[in-house]
Amino acid sequence: MDLAAQLRALVAACRAAFREGTLREADFDAVLHALDLAAPAFLEPDAEIPHLVDISVKSLLATVPDALYRLARATVDPARLRAGDPGVLIRQVHADGLILHDGDTPADTYGACIEFQFLPRPKLIPLWGAKALLLSYYLDRKIVLVVVYLHKTSAEAATRLKRDLVLQAGPWRNRFEFEVICLWEHAHRIRSGELAVLAPLLILCEDCPPLEALQQEQELIRNAPVSEPVKAELLSLSYLLGLRYESEKVLNTVFPNDDIERIKNEGQIGRWILEATANARAQEIAVHTARSQRMLHTVLMGRFGQLPSEWVSRLERASADTCEAWVAEAARAGSFEEFAALVQGSTPA
């Protein structure tokens, strides 16, 4: 397992321990902060492929910009809302979402800077606050920070979600408050159809198996009181987020063929899905190859003892098919020299 894979496994283990309450918040945050520093080098080797959740939530906000207002039970005219791109408006300011409300008066002209998170990240709060304040200044309108937590945590962990930033420096004190939405607390509203436009996010906040969540999402989207183009966009987002949990082959058993063809052939989301599935296939091949290499190495070590260094290097270059063929030869050979002679004409591929 390479270093990047080990770091990803560490993050997954820490997240599981935090959700179960066996890892303290301070320790969990320290791990994530250290990995934040390493992320460009180790955690995002395929940075040109957009993160599935990031691109999904941004597309969702662009498709139904009033979704979060409905989540907060706020009454707003959708015609006055529009999605903005903070990275375009202000260089080096990147947020998961920016929803702008264009009113007739300055008091009715405002916006929301949205950050979607799986788990609490206290060290990032100053960055989130800075984004909202910068956007308020440059856009000359009130921009509030709204943090949406997607992945369900334990009840104890949920009580520790921070809703403000307090800085104490000697006799001086600053405090910055922001809005927090725990998506899982509204899952029943999504399932009931009240918030059907948020159905693609159901898989992120539910405890049920991914395939069951995807089936619920499809039913909700098909019955949602929105136009057919919006339904198509929501189904695409559901498929896209499904790739985070299941392979393309599995998803193709859940989504009708007509939907799959439309999803993959239309628009930017289709291109993202093609990129994501190609990346997923490459990862599956890499994992299968690594397992085959380890299996062959184990068989050879068990039968013949320590391997020559040049053979260790040769095994690391061998494909999964080659490794499986060589395992059969290793079973036939009475010595390592005989095994080497049997596969002498083979080239690692």
Protein backbone atom coordinates (compact mmCIF):
# COMPACT_ATOMS: atom_id res chain seq x y z
CA MET A 1 0.00 0.00 0.00
CA ASP A 2 1.49 3.35 -1.04
CA LEU A 3 1.71 6.35 1.28
CA ALA A 4 -1.36 8.09 -0.14
CA ALA A 5 -3.46 4.95 0.36
CA GLN A 6 -2.18 4.60 3.92
CA LEU A 7 -3.11 8.21 4.67
CA ARG A 8 -6.59 7.71 3.24
CA ALA A 9 -7.00 4.59 5.39
CA LEU A 10 -5.87 6.60 8.43
CA VAL A 11 -8.49 9.28 7.73
CA ALA A 12 -11.22 6.64 7.36
CA ALA A 13 -10.21 4.97 10.64
CA CYS A 14 -10.12 8.31 12.47
CA ARG A 15 -13.55 9.30 11.13
CA ALA A 16 -15.03 5.99 12.27
CA ALA A 17 -13.47 6.34 15.74
CA PHE A 18 -14.69 9.92 16.06
CA ARG A 19 -18.25 8.98 15.10
CA GLU A 20 -18.19 6.16 17.67
CA GLY A 21 -16.93 8.53 20.35
CA THR A 22 -13.63 6.65 20.93
CA LEU A 23 -11.45 9.44 19.51
CA ARG A 24 -11.36 12.84 21.16
CA GLU A 25 -12.22 15.88 19.05
CA ALA A 26 -8.83 17.49 19.73
CA ASP A 27 -6.96 14.38 18.56
CA PHE A 28 -9.16 13.96 15.49
CA ASP A 29 -8.72 17.60 14.51
CA ALA A 30 -4.95 17.34 14.99
CA VAL A 31 -4.83 14.40 12.57
CA LEU A 32 -6.94 16.22 9.97
CA HIS A 33 -4.89 19.41 10.31
CA ALA A 34 -1.67 17.47 9.69
CA LEU A 35 -3.21 15.78 6.67
CA ASP A 36 -4.46 19.13 5.36
CA LEU A 37 -0.82 20.15 5.10
CA ALA A 38 0.05 16.91 3.31
CA ALA A 39 -3.03 16.81 1.08
CA PRO A 40 -1.53 18.46 -2.02
CA ALA A 41 1.29 15.92 -2.08
CA PHE A 42 -0.39 12.75 -0.85
CA LEU A 43 -4.16 12.88 -0.50
CA GLU A 44 -5.07 14.37 -3.87
CA PRO A 45 -2.81 12.75 -6.49
CA ASP A 46 -5.64 13.09 -9.03
CA ALA A 47 -6.51 16.70 -8.24
CA GLU A 48 -7.54 17.34 -11.84
CA ILE A 49 -10.59 15.15 -11.23
CA PRO A 50 -13.07 17.21 -9.15
CA HIS A 51 -14.09 15.86 -5.76
CA LEU A 52 -17.44 14.13 -6.14
CA VAL A 53 -19.12 15.75 -3.16
CA ASP A 54 -17.78 19.24 -3.93
CA ILE A 55 -18.95 19.28 -7.52
CA SER A 56 -22.27 17.67 -6.58
CA VAL A 57 -23.25 20.21 -3.94
CA LYS A 58 -22.16 23.10 -6.14
CA SER A 59 -24.24 21.76 -9.01
CA LEU A 60 -27.18 21.23 -6.65
CA LEU A 61 -27.04 24.84 -5.45
CA ALA A 62 -26.87 26.08 -9.04
CA THR A 63 -29.85 23.90 -10.02
CA VAL A 64 -32.09 24.73 -7.03
CA PRO A 65 -30.59 27.81 -5.32
CA ASP A 66 -33.55 28.07 -2.93
CA ALA A 67 -32.95 24.56 -1.51
CA LEU A 68 -31.09 25.67 1.60
CA TYR A 69 -33.60 28.43 2.29
CA ARG A 70 -36.35 25.82 2.22
CA LEU A 71 -34.22 23.66 4.50
CA ALA A 72 -34.16 26.53 6.98
CA ARG A 73 -37.94 26.99 6.50
CA ALA A 74 -37.36 30.49 5.14
CA THR A 75 -39.74 32.06 2.64
CA VAL A 76 -37.91 33.48 -0.35
CA ASP A 77 -38.69 34.22 -3.99
CA PRO A 78 -36.57 31.78 -6.08
CA ALA A 79 -36.53 34.31 -8.94
CA ARG A 80 -34.43 36.64 -6.78
CA LEU A 81 -31.81 33.98 -6.04
CA ARG A 82 -28.76 33.12 -8.08
CA ALA A 83 -25.68 31.01 -7.52
CA GLY A 84 -22.34 32.83 -7.57
CA ASP A 85 -18.76 31.61 -7.85
CA PRO A 86 -16.64 33.22 -5.13
CA GLY A 87 -13.46 32.05 -6.84
CA VAL A 88 -14.37 34.18 -9.86
CA LEU A 89 -15.68 37.15 -7.90
CA ILE A 90 -12.64 37.32 -5.66
CA ARG A 91 -9.38 35.58 -6.48
CA GLN A 92 -8.23 32.94 -3.98
CA VAL A 93 -11.60 32.84 -2.21
CA HIS A 94 -13.02 29.36 -2.71
CA ALA A 95 -16.22 28.25 -1.01
CA ASP A 96 -18.49 25.27 -1.61
CA GLY A 97 -21.33 27.58 -2.56
CA LEU A 98 -22.45 31.19 -2.77
CA ILE A 99 -26.15 32.05 -3.04
CA LEU A 100 -27.00 35.69 -3.72
CA HIS A 101 -30.39 37.30 -3.08
CA ASP A 102 -31.08 40.37 -5.21
CA GLY A 103 -33.59 42.61 -3.45
CA ASP A 104 -35.11 45.99 -4.17
CA THR A 105 -33.44 47.62 -1.18
CA PRO A 106 -30.00 47.31 0.44
CA ALA A 107 -31.60 45.59 3.45
CA ASP A 108 -33.10 42.96 1.14
CA THR A 109 -29.87 42.42 -0.82
CA TYR A 110 -27.72 39.76 0.81
CA GLY A 111 -26.14 36.35 0.33
CA ALA A 112 -24.96 33.15 1.97
CA CYS A 113 -21.50 31.62 1.82
CA ILE A 114 -22.02 27.85 2.10
CA GLU A 115 -19.53 25.32 3.43
CA PHE A 116 -20.40 21.61 3.30
CA GLN A 117 -18.55 19.37 5.76
CA PHE A 118 -18.65 15.70 6.71
CA LEU A 119 -17.32 16.16 10.22
CA PRO A 120 -16.42 19.08 12.54
CA ARG A 121 -13.28 20.95 11.49
CA PRO A 122 -12.69 23.67 14.13
CA LYS A 123 -9.36 24.74 12.66
CA LEU A 124 -11.08 25.75 9.41
CA ILE A 125 -13.59 28.09 11.04
CA PRO A 126 -11.31 31.18 10.78
CA LEU A 127 -10.95 30.52 7.02
CA TRP A 128 -14.72 30.19 6.59
CA GLY A 129 -15.33 33.41 8.51
CA ALA A 130 -12.70 35.23 6.48
CA LYS A 131 -14.37 34.16 3.22
CA ALA A 132 -17.78 35.47 4.32
CA LEU A 133 -16.33 38.77 5.55
CA LEU A 134 -14.29 39.29 2.38
CA LEU A 135 -17.30 38.58 0.21
CA SER A 136 -19.38 41.02 2.27
CA TYR A 137 -16.79 43.73 1.73
CA TYR A 138 -16.16 43.24 -1.99
CA LEU A 139 -19.77 42.53 -2.98
CA ASP A 140 -21.07 45.39 -0.83
CA ARG A 141 -23.84 43.25 0.64
CA LYS A 142 -24.31 41.20 3.80
CA ILE A 143 -22.91 37.68 3.31
CA VAL A 144 -23.55 35.23 6.14
CA LEU A 145 -21.66 31.97 6.69
CA VAL A 146 -23.75 28.78 6.70
CA VAL A 147 -22.00 25.48 7.53
CA VAL A 148 -23.87 22.34 6.50
CA TYR A 149 -22.75 19.07 8.11
CA LEU A 150 -23.65 16.15 5.86
CA HIS A 151 -22.57 12.96 7.57
CA LYS A 152 -24.43 11.82 10.66
CA THR A 153 -22.38 11.79 13.86
CA SER A 154 -23.15 10.45 17.31
CA ALA A 155 -25.47 12.50 19.52
CA GLU A 156 -22.52 13.42 21.74
CA ALA A 157 -20.41 14.56 18.79
CA ALA A 158 -23.33 16.60 17.42
CA THR A 159 -23.52 18.60 20.65
CA ARG A 160 -19.91 19.67 20.12
CA LEU A 161 -20.53 21.28 16.73
CA LYS A 162 -19.24 24.81 16.99
CA ARG A 163 -21.51 27.68 16.04
CA ASP A 164 -19.11 30.49 16.78
CA LEU A 165 -15.44 31.44 16.85
CA VAL A 166 -14.14 33.10 20.01
CA LEU A 167 -10.69 34.65 20.12
CA GLN A 168 -9.31 35.77 23.48
CA ALA A 169 -6.08 37.78 23.43
CA GLY A 170 -5.22 39.21 26.82
CA PRO A 171 -7.94 41.70 27.78
CA TRP A 172 -9.48 41.69 24.27
CA ARG A 173 -12.10 39.33 22.92
CA ASN A 174 -13.63 38.78 19.46
CA ARG A 175 -16.58 36.57 18.65
CA PHE A 176 -17.89 35.47 15.26
CA GLU A 177 -21.17 33.55 15.07
CA PHE A 178 -22.43 31.55 12.09
CA GLU A 179 -25.32 29.29 11.11
CA VAL A 180 -25.05 25.49 11.32
CA ILE A 181 -27.33 22.97 9.59
CA CYS A 182 -27.10 19.24 10.37
CA LEU A 183 -28.51 17.61 7.25
CA TRP A 184 -29.39 14.32 8.96
CA GLU A 185 -31.78 16.19 11.24
CA HIS A 186 -33.83 17.00 8.13
CA ALA A 187 -33.60 13.58 6.45
CA HIS A 188 -37.23 12.87 7.35
CA ARG A 189 -38.28 16.04 5.49
CA ILE A 190 -36.35 14.87 2.42
CA ARG A 191 -37.92 11.39 2.56
CA SER A 192 -41.39 12.85 3.01
CA GLY A 193 -41.03 14.78 -0.26
CA GLU A 194 -41.07 18.21 1.40
CA LEU A 195 -37.42 18.68 0.42
CA ALA A 196 -37.31 16.29 -2.54
CA VAL A 197 -34.88 18.60 -4.38
CA LEU A 198 -32.29 17.62 -1.77
CA ALA A 199 -32.80 13.89 -2.43
CA PRO A 200 -29.33 13.44 -4.04
CA LEU A 201 -27.80 14.24 -0.64
CA LEU A 202 -29.80 11.57 1.20
CA ILE A 203 -27.05 9.00 0.67
CA LEU A 204 -24.63 11.22 2.63
CA CYS A 205 -26.72 11.50 5.78
CA GLU A 206 -28.54 8.18 6.03
CA ASP A 207 -27.54 5.06 7.96
CA CYS A 208 -29.21 2.69 5.48
CA PRO A 209 -27.16 0.83 2.81
CA PRO A 210 -26.13 3.03 -0.16
CA LEU A 211 -28.23 1.11 -2.71
CA GLU A 212 -31.35 1.48 -0.57
CA ALA A 213 -30.70 5.22 -0.24
CA LEU A 214 -30.22 5.53 -4.01
CA GLN A 215 -33.54 3.79 -4.67
CA GLN A 216 -35.27 6.19 -2.26
CA GLU A 217 -33.62 9.12 -4.02
CA GLN A 218 -34.85 8.02 -7.45
CA GLU A 219 -38.45 7.71 -6.27
CA LEU A 220 -38.33 11.12 -4.56
CA ILE A 221 -36.81 12.83 -7.60
CA ARG A 222 -39.32 11.32 -10.04
CA ASN A 223 -42.20 12.56 -7.87
CA ALA A 224 -40.69 15.96 -7.12
CA PRO A 225 -42.76 19.01 -8.21
CA VAL A 226 -40.03 20.34 -10.51
CA SER A 227 -39.50 20.50 -14.27
CA GLU A 228 -38.16 17.53 -16.23
CA PRO A 229 -34.77 19.22 -16.87
CA VAL A 230 -34.34 19.76 -13.11
CA LYS A 231 -35.32 16.13 -12.44
CA ALA A 232 -32.69 15.02 -14.96
CA GLU A 233 -30.09 17.16 -13.21
CA LEU A 234 -31.03 15.76 -9.79
CA LEU A 235 -30.84 12.17 -11.07
CA SER A 236 -27.38 12.93 -12.46
CA LEU A 237 -26.27 14.23 -9.07
CA SER A 238 -27.69 11.15 -7.37
CA TYR A 239 -25.69 8.93 -9.72
CA LEU A 240 -22.57 11.03 -9.28
CA LEU A 241 -22.69 10.82 -5.48
CA GLY A 242 -23.47 7.13 -5.71
CA LEU A 243 -20.05 6.63 -7.30
CA ARG A 244 -18.56 7.62 -3.96
CA TYR A 245 -19.95 4.41 -2.44
CA GLU A 246 -20.50 1.93 -5.25
CA SER A 247 -18.87 0.96 -8.54
CA GLU A 248 -20.31 1.93 -11.90
CA LYS A 249 -21.30 -1.72 -12.47
CA VAL A 250 -23.38 -1.78 -9.27
CA LEU A 251 -25.00 1.60 -9.98
CA ASN A 252 -26.02 0.42 -13.43
CA THR A 253 -28.20 -2.23 -11.76
CA VAL A 254 -30.06 0.46 -9.80
CA PHE A 255 -30.56 3.17 -12.41
CA PRO A 256 -32.65 2.42 -15.55
CA ASN A 257 -30.66 2.20 -18.77
CA ASP A 258 -32.40 5.22 -20.30
CA ASP A 259 -31.46 7.35 -17.30
CA ILE A 260 -27.86 6.17 -17.39
CA GLU A 261 -27.46 7.05 -21.07
CA ARG A 262 -28.99 10.49 -20.55
CA ILE A 263 -26.92 11.13 -17.42
CA LYS A 264 -23.63 10.27 -19.10
CA ASN A 265 -24.30 12.04 -22.38
CA GLU A 266 -25.59 15.38 -21.16
CA GLY A 267 -23.68 18.39 -19.89
CA GLN A 268 -20.83 18.94 -17.49
CA ILE A 269 -22.13 16.41 -14.97
CA GLY A 270 -21.93 13.73 -17.65
CA ARG A 271 -18.29 14.60 -18.22
CA TRP A 272 -17.60 14.51 -14.48
CA ILE A 273 -19.24 11.11 -14.21
CA LEU A 274 -17.17 9.75 -17.10
CA GLU A 275 -14.01 11.07 -15.41
CA ALA A 276 -15.06 9.65 -12.05
CA THR A 277 -15.91 6.22 -13.45
CA ALA A 278 -12.64 6.10 -15.40
CA ASN A 279 -10.77 6.95 -12.21
CA ALA A 280 -12.75 4.35 -10.27
CA ARG A 281 -11.91 1.68 -12.86
CA ALA A 282 -8.22 2.59 -12.70
CA GLN A 283 -8.30 2.32 -8.92
CA GLU A 284 -10.05 -1.06 -9.07
CA ILE A 285 -7.39 -2.34 -11.48
CA ALA A 286 -4.62 -0.98 -9.23
CA VAL A 287 -6.11 -2.62 -6.13
CA HIS A 288 -6.60 -5.95 -7.93
CA THR A 289 -3.04 -5.84 -9.26
CA ALA A 290 -1.58 -5.05 -5.82
CA ARG A 291 -3.51 -7.95 -4.27
CA SER A 292 -2.31 -10.34 -6.97
CA GLN A 293 1.28 -9.19 -6.49
CA ARG A 294 1.04 -9.70 -2.72
CA MET A 295 -0.50 -13.15 -3.21
CA LEU A 296 2.27 -14.24 -5.58
CA HIS A 297 4.95 -12.83 -3.28
CA THR A 298 3.45 -14.71 -0.33
CA VAL A 299 3.26 -17.98 -2.27
CA LEU A 300 6.85 -17.70 -3.49
CA MET A 301 8.17 -16.78 -0.03
CA GLY A 302 6.24 -19.65 1.54
CA ARG A 303 7.56 -22.19 -0.92
CA PHE A 304 11.09 -21.01 -1.66
CA GLY A 305 12.08 -18.55 1.08
CA GLN A 306 13.68 -15.13 0.55
CA LEU A 307 13.50 -13.92 -3.06
CA PRO A 308 16.35 -12.32 -5.00
CA SER A 309 16.02 -8.52 -5.14
CA GLU A 310 15.68 -8.51 -8.92
CA TRP A 311 12.66 -10.81 -8.61
CA VAL A 312 11.06 -8.55 -6.01
CA SER A 313 11.34 -5.70 -8.53
CA ARG A 314 9.98 -7.94 -11.27
CA LEU A 315 6.92 -8.83 -9.18
CA GLU A 316 6.20 -5.13 -8.58
CA ARG A 317 5.94 -4.62 -12.36
CA ALA A 318 3.76 -7.68 -13.04
CA SER A 319 0.11 -7.36 -13.99
CA ALA A 320 -2.68 -9.18 -12.16
CA ASP A 321 -3.01 -11.73 -15.00
CA THR A 322 0.73 -12.39 -14.97
CA CYS A 323 0.75 -12.88 -11.20
CA GLU A 324 -2.13 -15.35 -11.35
CA ALA A 325 -0.40 -17.34 -14.11
CA TRP A 326 2.85 -17.39 -12.12
CA VAL A 327 1.06 -18.67 -9.01
CA ALA A 328 0.11 -21.76 -11.02
CA GLU A 329 3.74 -22.20 -12.10
CA ALA A 330 4.92 -21.77 -8.50
CA ALA A 331 2.64 -24.64 -7.48
CA ARG A 332 4.22 -26.89 -10.12
CA ALA A 333 7.85 -25.99 -9.43
CA GLY A 334 9.96 -27.94 -6.94
CA SER A 335 12.48 -25.10 -6.43
CA PHE A 336 12.81 -21.40 -7.11
CA GLU A 337 15.24 -22.15 -9.93
CA GLU A 338 12.66 -24.42 -11.57
CA PHE A 339 10.00 -21.72 -11.14
CA ALA A 340 12.30 -19.13 -12.73
CA ALA A 341 12.90 -21.46 -15.67
CA LEU A 342 9.17 -22.05 -16.13
CA VAL A 343 8.40 -18.33 -16.38
CA GLN A 344 11.64 -17.31 -18.08
CA GLY A 345 9.88 -16.44 -21.31
CA SER A 346 7.21 -14.36 -19.53
CA THR A 347 7.46 -10.60 -19.44
CA PRO A 348 5.71 -8.65 -16.66
CA ALA A 349 2.76 -6.88 -18.26
